[in-house]
Amino acid sequence: MYDLHTHTYNSDGVLGPSELARRYYVKGCRGVAISDHCDCSNLMETIERTNSFCMRAKSLFGKMQILSGCELTHCPPAQIENLIDEARKRKTEVVLVHGETVAEPVAKGTNRAAIEGGADVLAHPGLITEADVKLAADMDVMLEISARKGHSLTNGHVARVALKYGCKLSFGSDGHVPGDYPDPQTVNSILTGAGLTESQAETAMQNTAAMFNRDALNKKTSKT
């Protein structure tokens, strides 16, 4: 099991990074990204805290990998590309953008800006258009299947259009509290519940796992 989308008390989660990592380690997770909410007001400080923890924690949780991430959240679309670049310059290993979920009033155009800006993952992209899915496939931007209440309402739509256009899917719990962090069986149920076959669910988890591959990360960060 791998998870590219979690939150600590460095944004709006309730756990510290160490407890989050420990809870996932006990569940048998093989890789987790700490991706706290960022915008132009807190990007530098939040990434610095996350990077510091991830660097110190590399040998503390067995073979489980911990990635330094961030989720650009409710940012004006015109700022998103520059913020993605800034996050990568600060050694963020996985950059997510908080997509146009139906559960929140995200600015129209956020999905397109995230894709054009080259985010790694467009989180919970809501009723994303087919044109944006085509572009995401071309730009190698993954679309998230979300475990989060509200954001998960459009998982079926996201899965359907992603499969139609060959766009990669990833998994993210968007966990904020201990009960949000799933075990491997629950992750599989979420993916298949979105309409994926067992084989397609496995591919989505392979896509998620690939972000923990050093070569893949180096390829992304070399763009900056």
Protein backbone atom coordinates (compact mmCIF):
# COMPACT_ATOMS: atom_id res chain seq x y z
CA MET A 1 0.00 0.00 0.00
CA TYR A 2 1.13 3.52 -0.87
CA ASP A 3 -0.52 6.88 -0.15
CA LEU A 4 0.44 10.16 -1.83
CA HIS A 5 -1.91 12.45 0.11
CA THR A 6 -1.85 12.95 3.89
CA HIS A 7 -1.99 15.88 6.29
CA THR A 8 -0.39 16.58 9.67
CA TYR A 9 -0.89 19.33 12.21
CA ASN A 10 1.45 21.44 10.09
CA SER A 11 -1.72 22.23 8.15
CA ASP A 12 -5.16 20.95 9.18
CA GLY A 13 -4.45 17.37 10.27
CA VAL A 14 -4.43 16.33 13.93
CA LEU A 15 -1.31 14.12 14.05
CA GLY A 16 2.33 15.06 14.03
CA PRO A 17 4.46 13.63 11.23
CA SER A 18 6.00 10.98 13.47
CA GLU A 19 2.67 9.61 14.66
CA LEU A 20 1.25 9.64 11.15
CA ALA A 21 4.24 7.68 9.89
CA ARG A 22 4.10 5.27 12.81
CA ARG A 23 0.42 4.51 12.29
CA TYR A 24 1.01 3.78 8.61
CA TYR A 25 4.06 1.67 9.37
CA VAL A 26 1.98 -0.53 11.68
CA LYS A 27 -0.60 -0.96 8.89
CA GLY A 28 2.11 -2.38 6.63
CA CYS A 29 2.27 0.67 4.37
CA ARG A 30 5.27 0.70 2.04
CA GLY A 31 5.28 4.40 1.23
CA VAL A 32 3.52 7.57 2.39
CA ALA A 33 3.79 11.20 1.29
CA ILE A 34 3.23 14.00 3.77
CA SER A 35 1.52 16.64 1.67
CA ASP A 36 0.29 19.46 3.87
CA HIS A 37 -1.73 22.35 2.50
CA CYS A 38 0.28 25.23 1.04
CA ASP A 39 -0.32 28.51 -0.73
CA CYS A 40 1.75 31.64 -1.29
CA SER A 41 1.49 32.55 2.40
CA ASN A 42 3.07 29.44 3.94
CA LEU A 43 4.81 27.45 1.20
CA MET A 44 8.36 28.03 2.43
CA GLU A 45 7.71 27.31 6.12
CA THR A 46 5.54 24.24 5.56
CA ILE A 47 7.92 22.62 3.09
CA GLU A 48 10.87 23.33 5.37
CA ARG A 49 9.15 21.52 8.27
CA THR A 50 8.18 18.56 6.09
CA ASN A 51 11.60 18.26 4.49
CA SER A 52 13.27 18.36 7.90
CA PHE A 53 11.12 15.53 9.23
CA CYS A 54 11.47 13.36 6.13
CA MET A 55 15.24 13.73 6.11
CA ARG A 56 15.50 12.72 9.79
CA ALA A 57 12.98 9.89 9.50
CA LYS A 58 14.49 7.94 6.61
CA SER A 59 15.87 5.16 8.79
CA LEU A 60 13.25 5.16 11.55
CA PHE A 61 10.40 3.24 9.93
CA GLY A 62 12.01 0.17 8.43
CA LYS A 63 11.61 -0.11 4.69
CA MET A 64 8.63 2.25 4.56
CA GLN A 65 9.48 5.28 2.43
CA ILE A 66 8.35 8.76 3.44
CA LEU A 67 8.17 11.47 0.80
CA SER A 68 8.20 15.20 1.33
CA GLY A 69 5.16 16.60 -0.43
CA CYS A 70 2.79 19.52 -0.49
CA GLU A 71 -0.74 20.17 -1.68
CA LEU A 72 -1.29 23.57 -3.26
CA THR A 73 -4.74 24.41 -1.96
CA HIS A 74 -7.30 26.99 -3.13
CA CYS A 75 -4.54 28.93 -4.89
CA PRO A 76 -5.57 31.35 -7.64
CA PRO A 77 -5.04 29.49 -10.93
CA ALA A 78 -2.67 32.20 -12.18
CA GLN A 79 -0.29 31.42 -9.27
CA ILE A 80 -0.26 27.65 -9.55
CA GLU A 81 2.53 27.09 -12.08
CA ASN A 82 4.92 29.37 -10.22
CA LEU A 83 4.08 27.71 -6.90
CA ILE A 84 4.72 24.26 -8.38
CA ASP A 85 8.12 25.45 -9.58
CA GLU A 86 8.87 27.03 -6.20
CA ALA A 87 7.94 23.84 -4.35
CA ARG A 88 10.27 21.79 -6.52
CA LYS A 89 13.10 24.27 -6.06
CA ARG A 90 12.68 23.70 -2.33
CA LYS A 91 13.17 19.95 -2.84
CA THR A 92 9.55 18.86 -2.50
CA GLU A 93 9.41 15.32 -3.83
CA VAL A 94 5.74 15.18 -4.82
CA VAL A 95 3.56 18.18 -5.65
CA LEU A 96 -0.21 17.87 -5.53
CA VAL A 97 -2.78 20.48 -6.45
CA HIS A 98 -6.14 20.59 -4.69
CA GLY A 99 -8.47 20.03 -7.63
CA GLU A 100 -11.98 21.23 -8.40
CA THR A 101 -13.78 18.94 -5.97
CA VAL A 102 -17.56 19.26 -5.84
CA ALA A 103 -17.29 19.48 -2.03
CA GLU A 104 -15.59 22.91 -1.94
CA PRO A 105 -15.73 26.19 -3.91
CA VAL A 106 -12.41 25.73 -5.73
CA ALA A 107 -11.73 28.36 -8.38
CA LYS A 108 -12.71 27.37 -11.91
CA GLY A 109 -9.58 26.77 -13.98
CA THR A 110 -7.64 25.17 -11.13
CA ASN A 111 -7.61 21.75 -12.79
CA ARG A 112 -6.25 23.14 -16.06
CA ALA A 113 -3.64 25.29 -14.30
CA ALA A 114 -2.40 22.29 -12.29
CA ILE A 115 -2.05 20.19 -15.41
CA GLU A 116 -0.37 22.89 -17.47
CA GLY A 117 1.94 23.61 -14.53
CA GLY A 118 3.09 19.99 -14.44
CA ALA A 119 1.89 18.92 -10.99
CA ASP A 120 2.59 15.31 -10.09
CA VAL A 121 -0.97 14.67 -8.92
CA LEU A 122 -4.24 16.52 -9.43
CA ALA A 123 -6.06 15.63 -6.22
CA HIS A 124 -9.81 14.95 -6.23
CA PRO A 125 -10.41 16.73 -9.56
CA GLY A 126 -14.22 16.57 -9.32
CA LEU A 127 -16.16 16.61 -12.57
CA ILE A 128 -13.02 17.16 -14.60
CA THR A 129 -13.60 17.78 -18.30
CA GLU A 130 -12.54 15.33 -20.96
CA ALA A 131 -10.33 18.00 -22.52
CA ASP A 132 -8.45 18.39 -19.24
CA VAL A 133 -8.12 14.61 -18.87
CA LYS A 134 -6.62 14.37 -22.37
CA LEU A 135 -4.11 17.08 -21.45
CA ALA A 136 -3.29 15.36 -18.15
CA ALA A 137 -2.53 12.16 -20.05
CA ASP A 138 -0.23 14.06 -22.40
CA MET A 139 1.48 15.90 -19.52
CA ASP A 140 1.87 12.76 -17.36
CA VAL A 141 -0.16 14.27 -14.52
CA MET A 142 -1.94 11.66 -12.43
CA LEU A 143 -5.56 12.00 -11.34
CA GLU A 144 -6.35 10.98 -7.78
CA ILE A 145 -8.91 8.47 -6.60
CA SER A 146 -9.70 9.90 -3.18
CA ALA A 147 -10.72 8.24 0.06
CA ARG A 148 -11.90 11.55 1.50
CA LYS A 149 -15.58 12.07 2.29
CA GLY A 150 -17.08 14.56 -0.16
CA HIS A 151 -14.10 14.52 -2.49
CA SER A 152 -14.78 10.85 -3.26
CA LEU A 153 -18.23 11.57 -4.66
CA THR A 154 -16.82 11.90 -8.17
CA ASN A 155 -14.35 9.00 -8.04
CA GLY A 156 -16.45 7.07 -10.55
CA HIS A 157 -16.37 9.93 -13.06
CA VAL A 158 -12.64 10.44 -12.58
CA ALA A 159 -11.92 6.74 -13.09
CA ARG A 160 -14.12 6.49 -16.17
CA VAL A 161 -12.65 9.43 -18.06
CA ALA A 162 -9.10 8.58 -17.02
CA LEU A 163 -9.48 5.06 -18.43
CA LYS A 164 -11.07 6.44 -21.58
CA TYR A 165 -8.08 8.66 -22.38
CA GLY A 166 -5.25 6.62 -20.90
CA CYS A 167 -4.57 9.00 -18.02
CA LYS A 168 -2.78 7.57 -15.00
CA LEU A 169 -4.67 7.22 -11.72
CA SER A 170 -3.18 7.39 -8.23
CA PHE A 171 -4.50 6.84 -4.72
CA GLY A 172 -4.65 9.35 -1.89
CA SER A 173 -6.38 9.01 1.46
CA ASP A 174 -6.40 12.78 2.04
CA GLY A 175 -6.21 11.68 5.65
CA HIS A 176 -6.53 14.26 8.42
CA VAL A 177 -7.37 12.15 11.50
CA PRO A 178 -6.38 8.62 12.58
CA GLY A 179 -9.57 7.05 11.26
CA ASP A 180 -8.85 8.38 7.77
CA TYR A 181 -5.81 6.20 7.19
CA PRO A 182 -6.88 2.97 5.46
CA ASP A 183 -5.45 -0.51 5.41
CA PRO A 184 -4.60 -2.22 2.10
CA GLN A 185 -7.97 -3.98 1.87
CA THR A 186 -9.84 -0.69 2.26
CA VAL A 187 -7.68 0.96 -0.39
CA ASN A 188 -8.55 -1.83 -2.81
CA SER A 189 -12.26 -1.44 -1.98
CA ILE A 190 -12.08 2.31 -2.68
CA LEU A 191 -10.41 1.74 -6.03
CA THR A 192 -12.75 -1.01 -7.17
CA GLY A 193 -15.69 0.94 -5.77
CA ALA A 194 -14.77 3.70 -8.22
CA GLY A 195 -15.40 1.22 -11.02
CA LEU A 196 -11.90 -0.14 -11.57
CA THR A 197 -11.34 -3.82 -12.16
CA GLU A 198 -8.91 -5.60 -9.87
CA SER A 199 -6.25 -5.30 -12.57
CA GLN A 200 -6.93 -1.59 -13.06
CA ALA A 201 -6.84 -1.04 -9.28
CA GLU A 202 -3.47 -2.74 -9.16
CA THR A 203 -2.22 -0.48 -11.95
CA ALA A 204 -3.37 2.60 -10.02
CA MET A 205 -1.40 1.43 -7.00
CA GLN A 206 1.63 0.76 -9.22
CA ASN A 207 1.35 4.34 -10.49
CA THR A 208 1.24 5.54 -6.89
CA ALA A 209 4.21 3.37 -5.94
CA ALA A 210 6.22 4.68 -8.89
CA MET A 211 6.39 8.11 -7.26
CA PHE A 212 8.56 6.56 -4.58
CA ASN A 213 11.10 5.51 -7.21
CA ARG A 214 14.17 7.74 -7.09
CA ASP A 215 14.58 7.82 -10.89
CA ALA A 216 11.01 9.02 -11.34
CA LEU A 217 11.48 11.71 -8.71
CA ASN A 218 14.74 12.89 -10.24
CA LYS A 219 13.08 13.16 -13.64
CA LYS A 220 10.38 15.42 -12.21
CA THR A 221 12.69 17.65 -10.18
CA SER A 222 15.11 18.06 -13.09
CA LYS A 223 12.48 20.16 -14.86
CA THR A 224 13.35 23.03 -12.56
